N, C-alpha and C. Protein backbone atom coordinates (compact mmCIF):
# COMPACT_ATOMS: atom_id res chain seq x y z
N UNK A 1 -17.33 -0.64 27.47
CA UNK A 1 -16.26 0.33 27.41
C UNK A 1 -15.90 0.57 25.94
N UNK A 2 -15.96 1.81 25.48
CA UNK A 2 -15.60 2.10 24.07
C UNK A 2 -14.11 1.91 23.82
N UNK A 3 -13.81 1.41 22.66
CA UNK A 3 -12.41 1.25 22.26
C UNK A 3 -12.24 1.74 20.84
N UNK A 4 -11.03 2.00 20.46
CA UNK A 4 -10.69 2.39 19.09
C UNK A 4 -9.43 1.65 18.69
N UNK A 5 -9.39 1.20 17.46
CA UNK A 5 -8.22 0.50 16.96
C UNK A 5 -7.88 0.96 15.56
N UNK A 6 -6.66 0.75 15.19
CA UNK A 6 -6.19 1.00 13.83
C UNK A 6 -5.49 -0.26 13.38
N UNK A 7 -5.71 -0.65 12.13
CA UNK A 7 -5.04 -1.82 11.58
C UNK A 7 -4.42 -1.48 10.24
N UNK A 8 -3.35 -2.15 9.95
CA UNK A 8 -2.67 -1.97 8.68
C UNK A 8 -2.47 -3.35 8.06
N UNK A 9 -2.99 -3.53 6.85
CA UNK A 9 -2.83 -4.78 6.12
C UNK A 9 -1.86 -4.54 4.98
N UNK A 10 -0.89 -5.41 4.85
CA UNK A 10 0.12 -5.26 3.81
C UNK A 10 0.44 -6.62 3.21
N UNK A 11 0.71 -6.63 1.91
CA UNK A 11 1.08 -7.87 1.23
C UNK A 11 2.54 -8.24 1.49
N UNK A 12 3.32 -7.28 1.94
CA UNK A 12 4.74 -7.53 2.22
C UNK A 12 5.00 -7.22 3.70
N UNK A 13 6.02 -7.84 4.25
CA UNK A 13 6.40 -7.59 5.64
C UNK A 13 7.00 -6.18 5.74
N UNK A 14 6.49 -5.40 6.68
CA UNK A 14 6.97 -4.04 6.88
C UNK A 14 7.97 -3.99 8.01
N UNK A 15 8.92 -3.09 7.88
CA UNK A 15 9.90 -2.89 8.92
C UNK A 15 9.27 -2.10 10.06
N UNK A 16 9.42 -2.58 11.28
CA UNK A 16 8.89 -1.86 12.43
C UNK A 16 9.84 -0.73 12.80
N UNK A 17 9.45 0.48 12.44
CA UNK A 17 10.26 1.64 12.79
C UNK A 17 9.36 2.70 13.43
N UNK A 18 9.94 3.78 13.84
CA UNK A 18 9.21 4.84 14.55
C UNK A 18 8.08 5.42 13.69
N UNK A 19 8.32 5.59 12.41
CA UNK A 19 7.30 6.15 11.52
C UNK A 19 6.07 5.25 11.44
N UNK A 20 6.28 3.96 11.31
CA UNK A 20 5.16 3.01 11.25
C UNK A 20 4.38 3.02 12.57
N UNK A 21 5.08 3.02 13.67
CA UNK A 21 4.42 3.04 14.98
C UNK A 21 3.58 4.31 15.13
N UNK A 22 4.11 5.44 14.72
CA UNK A 22 3.37 6.70 14.83
C UNK A 22 2.14 6.71 13.93
N UNK A 23 2.20 6.09 12.77
CA UNK A 23 1.05 6.02 11.88
C UNK A 23 -0.06 5.16 12.48
N UNK A 24 0.30 4.17 13.27
CA UNK A 24 -0.70 3.27 13.85
C UNK A 24 -1.29 3.79 15.16
N UNK A 25 -0.69 4.79 15.76
CA UNK A 25 -1.24 5.37 16.98
C UNK A 25 -2.46 6.21 16.64
N UNK A 26 -3.44 6.22 17.52
CA UNK A 26 -4.65 7.01 17.31
C UNK A 26 -4.34 8.46 17.67
N UNK A 27 -4.56 9.34 16.72
CA UNK A 27 -4.22 10.75 16.90
C UNK A 27 -5.46 11.59 17.21
N UNK A 28 -5.23 12.85 17.55
CA UNK A 28 -6.33 13.77 17.78
C UNK A 28 -7.15 13.96 16.50
N UNK A 29 -6.48 13.93 15.36
CA UNK A 29 -7.17 14.05 14.07
C UNK A 29 -8.09 12.85 13.85
N UNK A 30 -7.64 11.65 14.21
CA UNK A 30 -8.49 10.46 14.09
C UNK A 30 -9.74 10.61 14.95
N UNK A 31 -9.58 11.09 16.16
CA UNK A 31 -10.72 11.28 17.06
C UNK A 31 -11.67 12.32 16.49
N UNK A 32 -11.14 13.39 15.92
CA UNK A 32 -11.99 14.42 15.31
C UNK A 32 -12.82 13.84 14.17
N UNK A 33 -12.21 13.01 13.34
CA UNK A 33 -12.92 12.40 12.22
C UNK A 33 -14.00 11.45 12.73
N UNK A 34 -13.67 10.66 13.75
CA UNK A 34 -14.67 9.75 14.32
C UNK A 34 -15.87 10.51 14.87
N UNK A 35 -15.62 11.62 15.52
CA UNK A 35 -16.71 12.44 16.05
C UNK A 35 -17.56 13.02 14.93
N UNK A 36 -16.93 13.47 13.85
CA UNK A 36 -17.69 14.09 12.76
C UNK A 36 -18.60 13.10 12.05
N UNK A 37 -18.23 11.83 12.07
CA UNK A 37 -19.08 10.80 11.45
C UNK A 37 -19.93 10.07 12.48
N UNK A 38 -19.99 10.60 13.70
CA UNK A 38 -20.77 10.01 14.79
C UNK A 38 -20.41 8.56 15.03
N UNK A 39 -19.14 8.24 14.94
CA UNK A 39 -18.67 6.88 15.16
C UNK A 39 -17.99 6.75 16.52
N UNK A 40 -17.91 7.82 17.27
CA UNK A 40 -17.26 7.80 18.57
C UNK A 40 -18.33 7.95 19.65
N UNK A 41 -18.43 6.97 20.50
CA UNK A 41 -19.40 7.07 21.59
C UNK A 41 -18.63 7.18 22.91
N UNK A 42 -19.03 8.11 23.72
CA UNK A 42 -18.39 8.34 25.02
C UNK A 42 -19.45 8.12 26.09
N UNK A 43 -19.12 7.28 27.05
CA UNK A 43 -20.08 6.99 28.12
C UNK A 43 -19.57 7.48 29.44
């Protein structure tokens, strides 16, 4: 089963707020980029 993840590495502890959560969600733009680099496989 194909999966996609996003990770954020930081030297300091970040505050969990709505903006941070939205940045970590996989967006339609992320999927478009994955497709353009042939990194997205759909079965």
